[in-house]
Amino acid sequence: MSAELICVIVLGLMFVIGTWRDINMGLLGFIAAAGVGGLVLHQAPEEFFAGFPVDLFLTLVGLTYLFGFAQNNGVIEVIVNWCVKLVGGRIALMPWIFFGLTAVLIALGALFAVAIIAPLALSFARKHRINQFMVGLLVVHGALAGAFSPISVYGIFINDYLAKNGLTPTPVSLFLAPLVFNLIFALVVYLVLHRRPGLRAEADDRLSAESESSVPGSVDSPTSPTAPRSGLLTTKSPTRGVEGNRVVRSQVPTLVGLIAMALSVLIFGWDVGIVTITISVVLAFIDPTAGKAAMTKVSWSVVILITGVLTYIAVLQEAGTVEWVSAGISAIGIPLLAALLLFYMSGLVSALASSLAIIGVVIALAVPFLESGDVHVGGFVAALAIAATIVDISPFSTNGAMLLANVHSTIRDRYYKQMIGYAGLMCLVGPGLAWVVAAVPTVLTK
């Protein structure tokens, strides 16, 4: 049995065992990396663990630690209240505000825009009993909508890669196709889910009870004239020291830290993991008690889940499994059929690994028939961008991991299962719909 086939079988067993026995799949990933890497590929420990995503580990820990301060001292509520004020207190518009904020941030180069917006969006959804899964999906689709702008990391990578290989970049279609595609998906998600209560954490019920007992006219009170059914929001109810849009003295360092984090990542391009950990340590130095409390907000189970699976995926890639599957697909004599299979492969692999990495692999494999003119370059690249990223709600992708890390612990398991279900649906329909984007220009130019 070939090493490539063994890798695929082991990957399948990880999913079966993890789901069947409720074992953290990240732990299984570490074992699989050691087993396949050591016994099949004859690698040393430093080789089969070389794929451990240190940067993502630091990012997940740093971001959830930093936002732990903001969650505990009420800064998140202050920021959300500011956003609410911008839309005149209309709750129904807030999911789209979060969609737009995420899209703009990532379009400007903030690769981890989901990590910045997700804590704000999910906190707002929890507080006002909006479907948390729907809000999370809109945040991720917002990120994917703006991900391929000419000045984003994704856009720069793909356009430069095409230019270096003698192909003409198409930055406008690369940006607009994923934007329109994800906007449509977000609209469908909103229409289907926005009237459903969705997941609710135990903390939400406690928050609602406290709000109703202490503030008769609060948003959660069923007798309030400004209850959610009216589409308006009042911001008078105090929450953990927050009073309306006012910032108390104890919140100032955290607010300054969040602003510093956003500016350092957006303007200076500094590593988000190191930045957030540094800022968190400074905040812990200022208030050691708050630092200990914030550390409990770090989503260690999610960190283990993601890093373990990605460590094994690196071994899988080292074994040549991706290239093995791709080579078989590329050998097909019908270019559009080969493109369709490549899109499905990129979607499936991207759900478990780096979207940017699989895009690079697929473009490299597709260069021969892109050069032949059998497939429209602009359409193919735009469709590949969609197919490889539409599955990013998967908890094993960077965006999905950052979203799951900010979900309340009491609903995280159920949220995780819903993410898996939606990612599976996207794997089934996303690449096929994206293929139309590639096929139509090809047919029209014939």
Protein backbone atom coordinates (compact mmCIF):
# COMPACT_ATOMS: atom_id res chain seq x y z
CA MET A 1 0.00 0.00 0.00
CA SER A 2 1.38 3.39 -1.00
CA ALA A 3 2.22 6.08 1.55
CA GLU A 4 -0.29 8.42 -0.12
CA LEU A 5 -3.16 5.96 0.33
CA ILE A 6 -2.16 5.25 3.94
CA CYS A 7 -2.30 8.99 4.68
CA VAL A 8 -5.83 9.23 3.29
CA ILE A 9 -7.01 6.18 5.28
CA VAL A 10 -5.52 7.53 8.52
CA LEU A 11 -7.18 10.90 7.92
CA GLY A 12 -10.53 9.17 7.55
CA LEU A 13 -9.96 7.17 10.74
CA MET A 14 -9.21 10.39 12.62
CA PHE A 15 -12.62 11.77 11.72
CA VAL A 16 -14.42 8.52 12.54
CA ILE A 17 -12.74 7.99 15.93
CA GLY A 18 -12.92 11.65 16.91
CA THR A 19 -16.64 11.83 16.16
CA TRP A 20 -17.55 8.37 17.48
CA ARG A 21 -15.70 8.56 20.82
CA ASP A 22 -15.75 12.35 21.24
CA ILE A 23 -11.96 12.62 21.36
CA ASN A 24 -10.27 15.89 20.50
CA MET A 25 -9.19 15.35 16.90
CA GLY A 26 -6.10 17.47 17.45
CA LEU A 27 -4.72 14.84 19.82
CA LEU A 28 -5.42 12.20 17.19
CA GLY A 29 -3.62 14.42 14.68
CA PHE A 30 -0.45 14.48 16.76
CA ILE A 31 -0.54 10.69 17.08
CA ALA A 32 -1.20 10.28 13.36
CA ALA A 33 1.66 12.63 12.49
CA ALA A 34 4.04 10.61 14.65
CA GLY A 35 2.74 7.25 13.41
CA VAL A 36 2.66 7.99 9.69
CA GLY A 37 5.69 10.24 9.76
CA GLY A 38 7.84 7.88 11.82
CA LEU A 39 6.68 4.44 10.63
CA VAL A 40 5.70 5.10 7.02
CA LEU A 41 7.88 8.05 5.95
CA HIS A 42 10.75 7.19 8.35
CA GLN A 43 10.97 10.75 9.63
CA ALA A 44 12.58 11.90 12.85
CA PRO A 45 10.38 13.67 15.46
CA GLU A 46 11.68 17.08 14.45
CA GLU A 47 10.57 16.30 10.89
CA PHE A 48 7.05 14.96 11.46
CA PHE A 49 6.34 17.71 13.99
CA ALA A 50 7.86 20.40 11.77
CA GLY A 51 4.40 21.17 10.41
CA PHE A 52 3.14 22.35 13.81
CA PRO A 53 1.65 25.79 12.98
CA VAL A 54 3.53 27.95 15.46
CA ASP A 55 2.20 31.18 13.97
CA LEU A 56 -1.43 30.03 14.19
CA PHE A 57 -0.85 28.71 17.73
CA LEU A 58 0.45 32.11 18.83
CA THR A 59 -2.40 33.86 17.01
CA LEU A 60 -5.15 31.76 18.60
CA VAL A 61 -3.65 32.01 22.08
CA GLY A 62 -2.83 35.71 21.82
CA LEU A 63 -6.15 36.79 20.38
CA THR A 64 -8.34 34.80 22.76
CA TYR A 65 -6.17 35.95 25.68
CA LEU A 66 -6.39 39.61 24.68
CA PHE A 67 -10.11 39.49 24.03
CA GLY A 68 -10.48 37.69 27.35
CA PHE A 69 -9.61 41.01 29.01
CA ALA A 70 -12.17 42.78 26.80
CA GLN A 71 -14.88 40.22 27.57
CA ASN A 72 -14.30 40.31 31.32
CA ASN A 73 -14.21 44.07 31.80
CA GLY A 74 -16.99 45.00 29.34
CA VAL A 75 -14.92 46.68 26.61
CA ILE A 76 -16.55 44.50 23.96
CA GLU A 77 -19.97 45.76 25.02
CA VAL A 78 -18.74 49.34 24.73
CA ILE A 79 -17.46 48.78 21.18
CA VAL A 80 -20.66 47.01 20.16
CA ASN A 81 -22.73 49.86 21.60
CA TRP A 82 -20.74 52.30 19.49
CA CYS A 83 -21.55 50.20 16.41
CA VAL A 84 -25.20 50.12 17.40
CA LYS A 85 -25.23 53.89 17.69
CA LEU A 86 -23.91 54.16 14.13
CA VAL A 87 -26.97 52.29 12.79
CA GLY A 88 -29.49 54.10 14.94
CA GLY A 89 -29.99 51.18 17.28
CA ARG A 90 -31.43 48.85 14.63
CA ILE A 91 -30.52 45.30 15.62
CA ALA A 92 -31.46 43.86 12.23
CA LEU A 93 -28.65 45.83 10.57
CA MET A 94 -25.91 44.74 12.96
CA PRO A 95 -25.06 41.37 11.32
CA TRP A 96 -24.48 43.28 8.09
CA ILE A 97 -22.36 45.85 9.89
CA PHE A 98 -20.15 42.98 11.09
CA PHE A 99 -20.13 41.52 7.56
CA GLY A 100 -19.01 44.87 6.14
CA LEU A 101 -16.40 45.55 8.82
CA THR A 102 -14.77 42.16 8.28
CA ALA A 103 -14.79 42.59 4.49
CA VAL A 104 -13.20 46.04 4.66
CA LEU A 105 -10.53 45.01 7.15
CA ILE A 106 -9.37 41.97 5.19
CA ALA A 107 -9.54 43.88 1.90
CA LEU A 108 -7.12 46.39 3.41
CA GLY A 109 -4.70 43.62 4.35
CA ALA A 110 -5.81 42.42 7.79
CA LEU A 111 -5.50 38.66 7.23
CA PHE A 112 -6.98 37.97 10.67
CA ALA A 113 -10.01 40.25 10.34
CA VAL A 114 -12.27 37.44 11.58
CA ALA A 115 -10.32 37.33 14.82
CA ILE A 116 -10.88 41.06 15.32
CA ILE A 117 -14.60 41.10 14.52
CA ALA A 118 -15.79 37.66 15.74
CA PRO A 119 -15.60 38.46 19.49
CA LEU A 120 -17.60 41.65 18.96
CA ALA A 121 -20.19 39.99 16.71
CA LEU A 122 -20.75 36.90 18.86
CA SER A 123 -20.92 38.97 22.04
CA PHE A 124 -23.59 41.16 20.46
CA ALA A 125 -25.51 38.12 19.23
CA ARG A 126 -25.41 36.49 22.68
CA LYS A 127 -26.59 39.63 24.43
CA HIS A 128 -29.47 40.31 22.08
CA ARG A 129 -30.47 36.71 21.34
CA ILE A 130 -29.70 36.84 17.65
CA ASN A 131 -28.88 33.54 15.95
CA GLN A 132 -25.19 33.19 16.82
CA PHE A 133 -24.50 30.71 14.04
CA MET A 134 -25.97 33.09 11.47
CA VAL A 135 -23.87 35.99 12.76
CA GLY A 136 -20.73 33.85 12.71
CA LEU A 137 -21.39 32.81 9.12
CA LEU A 138 -21.85 36.43 8.05
CA VAL A 139 -18.53 37.36 9.66
CA VAL A 140 -16.70 34.59 7.78
CA HIS A 141 -18.48 35.31 4.49
CA GLY A 142 -17.58 38.97 4.98
CA ALA A 143 -13.93 37.99 5.27
CA LEU A 144 -14.14 35.87 2.13
CA ALA A 145 -15.96 38.66 0.27
CA GLY A 146 -13.05 41.06 0.71
CA ALA A 147 -10.20 38.54 0.79
CA PHE A 148 -9.09 38.90 -2.84
CA SER A 149 -8.75 42.65 -3.21
CA PRO A 150 -5.62 43.75 -5.12
CA ILE A 151 -3.99 44.90 -1.86
CA SER A 152 -4.93 41.91 0.29
CA VAL A 153 -2.57 39.04 1.08
CA TYR A 154 -4.57 36.62 -1.07
CA GLY A 155 -4.88 39.03 -3.99
CA ILE A 156 -1.21 39.99 -4.01
CA PHE A 157 -0.12 36.33 -3.78
CA ILE A 158 -2.27 35.12 -6.71
CA ASN A 159 -1.64 38.07 -9.02
CA ASP A 160 2.12 37.92 -8.44
CA TYR A 161 2.13 34.14 -8.98
CA LEU A 162 0.33 34.47 -12.31
CA ALA A 163 2.66 37.24 -13.46
CA LYS A 164 5.78 35.22 -12.55
CA ASN A 165 4.49 32.28 -14.59
CA GLY A 166 3.84 34.38 -17.69
CA LEU A 167 0.06 34.53 -17.26
CA THR A 168 -1.92 37.78 -17.29
CA PRO A 169 -3.36 38.66 -13.85
CA THR A 170 -7.01 39.67 -13.68
CA PRO A 171 -7.24 41.54 -10.34
CA VAL A 172 -10.70 43.01 -10.95
CA SER A 173 -12.46 39.70 -11.67
CA LEU A 174 -10.45 37.99 -8.93
CA PHE A 175 -11.77 40.55 -6.43
CA LEU A 176 -15.35 40.93 -7.66
CA ALA A 177 -16.28 37.27 -8.26
CA PRO A 178 -15.65 36.10 -4.66
CA LEU A 179 -17.21 39.33 -3.34
CA VAL A 180 -20.49 38.81 -5.22
CA PHE A 181 -20.47 35.06 -4.55
CA ASN A 182 -20.08 35.48 -0.79
CA LEU A 183 -22.54 38.36 -0.64
CA ILE A 184 -25.18 36.09 -2.20
CA PHE A 185 -24.37 33.26 0.21
CA ALA A 186 -24.52 35.66 3.16
CA LEU A 187 -27.91 36.94 2.00
CA VAL A 188 -29.25 33.38 1.75
CA VAL A 189 -27.90 32.55 5.21
CA TYR A 190 -29.49 35.68 6.65
CA LEU A 191 -32.89 35.02 5.08
CA VAL A 192 -32.93 31.41 6.25
CA LEU A 193 -31.60 31.86 9.79
CA HIS A 194 -32.24 35.39 11.05
CA ARG A 195 -35.69 34.63 12.49
CA ARG A 196 -34.54 31.44 14.19
CA PRO A 197 -33.32 31.64 17.82
CA GLY A 198 -30.29 29.45 17.13
CA LEU A 199 -27.83 28.37 19.80
CA ARG A 200 -28.14 29.91 23.22
CA ALA A 201 -25.60 29.69 26.02
CA GLU A 202 -26.53 29.31 29.68
CA ALA A 203 -24.92 32.68 30.25
CA ASP A 204 -27.43 34.27 27.87
CA ASP A 205 -30.36 33.23 30.05
CA ARG A 206 -28.62 34.58 33.16
CA LEU A 207 -27.84 37.83 31.37
CA SER A 208 -31.44 38.14 30.22
CA ALA A 209 -32.84 37.48 33.71
CA GLU A 210 -30.53 40.05 35.27
CA SER A 211 -31.36 42.57 32.57
CA GLU A 212 -35.12 42.10 32.94
CA SER A 213 -35.03 42.32 36.74
CA SER A 214 -32.74 45.33 36.96
CA VAL A 215 -33.82 47.39 33.96
CA PRO A 216 -37.56 47.23 33.19
CA GLY A 217 -37.20 48.93 29.84
CA SER A 218 -34.21 46.92 28.64
CA VAL A 219 -34.02 45.25 25.25
CA ASP A 220 -34.56 41.73 26.63
CA SER A 221 -37.76 42.61 28.42
CA PRO A 222 -40.80 41.28 26.58
CA THR A 223 -42.83 44.31 27.63
CA SER A 224 -40.29 46.83 26.46
CA PRO A 225 -41.45 49.13 23.69
CA THR A 226 -37.99 48.80 22.18
CA ALA A 227 -37.74 45.01 22.36
CA PRO A 228 -36.05 43.08 19.51
CA ARG A 229 -39.33 42.66 17.61
CA SER A 230 -39.33 46.40 16.94
CA GLY A 231 -35.85 46.25 15.41
CA LEU A 232 -34.52 48.94 17.74
CA LEU A 233 -32.04 48.74 20.57
CA THR A 234 -31.65 50.78 23.71
CA THR A 235 -28.24 51.04 25.32
CA LYS A 236 -29.22 52.05 28.82
CA SER A 237 -28.75 48.75 30.62
CA PRO A 238 -25.45 48.55 32.49
CA THR A 239 -23.28 45.49 31.93
CA ARG A 240 -20.21 44.81 34.08
CA GLY A 241 -19.45 48.45 34.64
CA VAL A 242 -20.53 49.60 31.19
CA GLU A 243 -23.10 52.35 31.12
CA GLY A 244 -24.28 53.12 27.61
CA ASN A 245 -21.34 54.22 25.47
CA ARG A 246 -19.19 55.45 28.37
CA VAL A 247 -15.78 53.97 29.12
CA VAL A 248 -14.71 53.64 32.76
CA ARG A 249 -11.11 54.06 33.87
CA SER A 250 -10.42 50.32 34.29
CA GLN A 251 -11.35 49.71 30.65
CA VAL A 252 -8.99 52.28 29.15
CA PRO A 253 -5.83 50.06 29.02
CA THR A 254 -7.75 47.26 27.30
CA LEU A 255 -9.33 49.64 24.80
CA VAL A 256 -5.93 51.19 24.05
CA GLY A 257 -4.49 47.68 23.64
CA LEU A 258 -7.17 46.69 21.11
CA ILE A 259 -6.59 49.87 19.11
CA ALA A 260 -2.83 49.28 19.20
CA MET A 261 -3.35 45.70 18.01
CA ALA A 262 -5.53 46.77 15.08
CA LEU A 263 -3.15 49.54 14.00
CA SER A 264 -0.01 47.42 14.28
CA VAL A 265 -1.54 44.66 12.14
CA LEU A 266 -3.30 46.86 9.58
CA ILE A 267 -0.70 49.60 9.11
CA PHE A 268 2.63 48.05 10.05
CA GLY A 269 1.88 44.43 9.15
CA TRP A 270 3.28 43.06 12.40
CA ASP A 271 2.63 39.47 13.41
CA VAL A 272 -0.78 39.36 15.07
CA GLY A 273 0.17 36.54 17.46
CA ILE A 274 3.25 38.25 18.90
CA VAL A 275 1.45 41.60 19.06
CA THR A 276 -1.57 40.25 20.95
CA ILE A 277 0.53 38.24 23.39
CA THR A 278 2.74 41.27 24.08
CA ILE A 279 -0.25 43.53 24.68
CA SER A 280 -1.88 40.89 26.89
CA VAL A 281 1.25 40.58 29.03
CA VAL A 282 1.33 44.35 29.47
CA LEU A 283 -2.33 44.31 30.55
CA ALA A 284 -1.61 41.44 32.95
CA PHE A 285 1.31 43.41 34.39
CA ILE A 286 -1.02 46.36 34.99
CA ASP A 287 -3.70 44.16 36.59
CA PRO A 288 -2.49 40.63 37.54
CA THR A 289 -5.94 39.57 38.72
CA ALA A 290 -7.47 40.49 35.38
CA GLY A 291 -4.63 38.64 33.67
CA LYS A 292 -5.44 35.40 35.47
CA ALA A 293 -9.12 35.76 34.68
CA ALA A 294 -8.40 36.47 31.00
CA MET A 295 -6.20 33.37 30.73
CA THR A 296 -9.28 31.22 31.42
CA LYS A 297 -10.78 32.59 28.20
CA VAL A 298 -8.05 31.05 26.05
CA SER A 299 -9.73 28.28 24.04
CA TRP A 300 -7.17 25.55 24.67
CA SER A 301 -9.36 22.76 23.29
CA VAL A 302 -9.69 24.65 20.02
CA VAL A 303 -5.96 25.38 19.93
CA ILE A 304 -5.19 21.66 20.33
CA LEU A 305 -7.81 20.70 17.76
CA ILE A 306 -6.48 23.01 15.07
CA THR A 307 -2.76 22.62 15.64
CA GLY A 308 -2.97 18.82 15.87
CA VAL A 309 -4.93 18.41 12.63
CA LEU A 310 -2.69 20.85 10.75
CA THR A 311 0.41 19.06 12.01
CA TYR A 312 -0.86 15.84 10.43
CA ILE A 313 -1.91 17.64 7.24
CA ALA A 314 1.70 18.82 6.89
CA VAL A 315 2.85 15.18 7.07
CA LEU A 316 0.20 14.30 4.48
CA GLN A 317 1.54 17.00 2.18
CA GLU A 318 5.12 15.86 2.80
CA ALA A 319 4.09 12.36 1.71
CA GLY A 320 2.93 13.83 -1.60
CA THR A 321 -0.71 12.92 -1.10
CA VAL A 322 -2.05 16.23 -2.44
CA GLU A 323 0.17 16.09 -5.53
CA TRP A 324 -0.75 12.40 -6.00
CA VAL A 325 -4.45 13.18 -6.10
CA SER A 326 -3.95 16.33 -8.16
CA ALA A 327 -1.79 14.56 -10.76
CA GLY A 328 -4.51 12.01 -11.38
CA ILE A 329 -7.06 14.76 -11.84
CA SER A 330 -4.85 16.84 -14.13
CA ALA A 331 -4.25 13.84 -16.40
CA ILE A 332 -7.88 14.03 -17.56
CA GLY A 333 -8.06 15.11 -21.18
CA ILE A 334 -11.10 17.42 -20.81
CA PRO A 335 -9.88 20.75 -19.34
CA LEU A 336 -13.20 21.90 -17.86
CA LEU A 337 -13.79 18.50 -16.24
CA ALA A 338 -10.25 18.57 -14.84
CA ALA A 339 -10.94 22.08 -13.52
CA LEU A 340 -14.13 20.88 -11.81
CA LEU A 341 -12.29 18.04 -10.08
CA LEU A 342 -9.45 20.37 -9.09
CA PHE A 343 -11.98 22.75 -7.55
CA TYR A 344 -13.55 19.96 -5.51
CA MET A 345 -10.14 18.74 -4.39
CA SER A 346 -9.09 22.25 -3.39
CA GLY A 347 -12.32 22.73 -1.42
CA LEU A 348 -11.96 19.45 0.46
CA VAL A 349 -8.28 19.98 1.29
CA SER A 350 -8.77 23.65 2.12
CA ALA A 351 -11.38 22.69 4.71
CA LEU A 352 -8.55 20.97 6.59
CA ALA A 353 -5.55 23.13 5.74
CA SER A 354 -4.37 26.50 4.46
CA SER A 355 -6.50 27.95 1.66
CA LEU A 356 -3.54 29.96 0.44
CA ALA A 357 -1.36 26.84 0.25
CA ILE A 358 -3.87 24.79 -1.73
CA ILE A 359 -4.49 27.69 -4.13
CA GLY A 360 -0.76 27.79 -4.85
CA VAL A 361 -0.66 24.02 -5.42
CA VAL A 362 -3.68 23.98 -7.74
CA ILE A 363 -2.51 26.96 -9.81
CA ALA A 364 0.89 25.28 -10.20
CA LEU A 365 -0.79 22.08 -11.41
CA ALA A 366 -3.11 23.99 -13.72
CA VAL A 367 -0.45 26.18 -15.38
CA PRO A 368 0.00 23.79 -18.38
CA PHE A 369 -3.61 23.88 -19.51
CA LEU A 370 -3.98 27.55 -18.53
CA GLU A 371 -1.13 28.31 -20.91
CA SER A 372 -2.80 26.24 -23.63
CA GLY A 373 -5.82 28.55 -23.60
CA ASP A 374 -8.28 25.71 -23.10
CA VAL A 375 -9.55 27.39 -19.93
CA HIS A 376 -10.07 31.13 -19.41
CA VAL A 377 -7.37 32.26 -16.97
CA GLY A 378 -9.42 34.94 -15.23
CA GLY A 379 -12.45 32.72 -14.81
CA PHE A 380 -10.40 29.76 -13.61
CA VAL A 381 -8.47 31.76 -11.01
CA ALA A 382 -11.59 33.52 -9.71
CA ALA A 383 -13.42 30.19 -9.46
CA LEU A 384 -10.46 28.58 -7.71
CA ALA A 385 -10.41 31.44 -5.20
CA ILE A 386 -14.08 30.78 -4.44
CA ALA A 387 -13.78 26.98 -4.31
CA ALA A 388 -10.76 27.02 -2.01
CA THR A 389 -12.18 29.54 0.47
CA ILE A 390 -15.94 29.00 0.54
CA VAL A 391 -15.30 26.12 2.98
CA ASP A 392 -13.47 28.38 5.45
CA ILE A 393 -16.28 28.04 7.97
CA SER A 394 -14.66 24.67 8.73
CA PRO A 395 -13.30 24.68 12.30
CA PHE A 396 -10.02 23.35 10.91
CA SER A 397 -9.45 26.41 8.74
CA THR A 398 -7.94 29.58 10.16
CA ASN A 399 -11.15 31.63 9.94
CA GLY A 400 -13.30 28.84 11.32
CA ALA A 401 -10.87 28.21 14.15
CA MET A 402 -10.88 31.86 15.18
CA LEU A 403 -14.68 31.91 15.08
CA LEU A 404 -15.02 28.75 17.18
CA ALA A 405 -12.47 30.05 19.68
CA ASN A 406 -14.83 32.92 20.56
CA VAL A 407 -17.98 30.85 20.99
CA HIS A 408 -19.28 30.47 24.55
CA SER A 409 -18.04 27.23 26.09
CA THR A 410 -21.54 25.98 26.91
CA ILE A 411 -22.53 25.85 23.24
CA ARG A 412 -19.14 25.22 21.62
CA ASP A 413 -19.74 21.52 20.92
CA ARG A 414 -23.08 22.19 19.23
CA TYR A 415 -21.63 25.16 17.36
CA TYR A 416 -18.74 22.95 16.21
CA LYS A 417 -21.16 20.37 14.80
CA GLN A 418 -23.11 23.05 12.95
CA MET A 419 -19.87 24.40 11.51
CA ILE A 420 -18.95 20.90 10.31
CA GLY A 421 -22.40 20.53 8.71
CA TYR A 422 -22.21 23.89 6.92
CA ALA A 423 -18.62 23.25 5.79
CA GLY A 424 -19.71 19.88 4.42
CA LEU A 425 -22.54 21.56 2.50
CA MET A 426 -20.08 24.11 1.09
CA CYS A 427 -17.73 21.29 0.05
CA LEU A 428 -20.61 19.72 -1.89
CA VAL A 429 -22.10 22.77 -3.61
CA GLY A 430 -19.45 25.51 -3.44
CA PRO A 431 -16.87 24.16 -5.92
CA GLY A 432 -19.61 23.16 -8.35
CA LEU A 433 -21.14 26.64 -8.34
CA ALA A 434 -17.67 28.18 -8.58
CA TRP A 435 -17.00 26.02 -11.64
CA VAL A 436 -19.74 27.93 -13.46
CA VAL A 437 -17.62 31.07 -12.97
CA ALA A 438 -14.75 29.32 -14.76
CA ALA A 439 -16.87 27.59 -17.41
CA VAL A 440 -18.91 30.54 -18.63
CA PRO A 441 -15.98 32.75 -19.76
CA THR A 442 -14.31 29.72 -21.35
CA VAL A 443 -17.41 28.84 -23.37
CA LEU A 444 -18.05 32.46 -24.38
CA THR A 445 -14.50 32.92 -25.70
CA LYS A 446 -14.62 29.76 -27.82
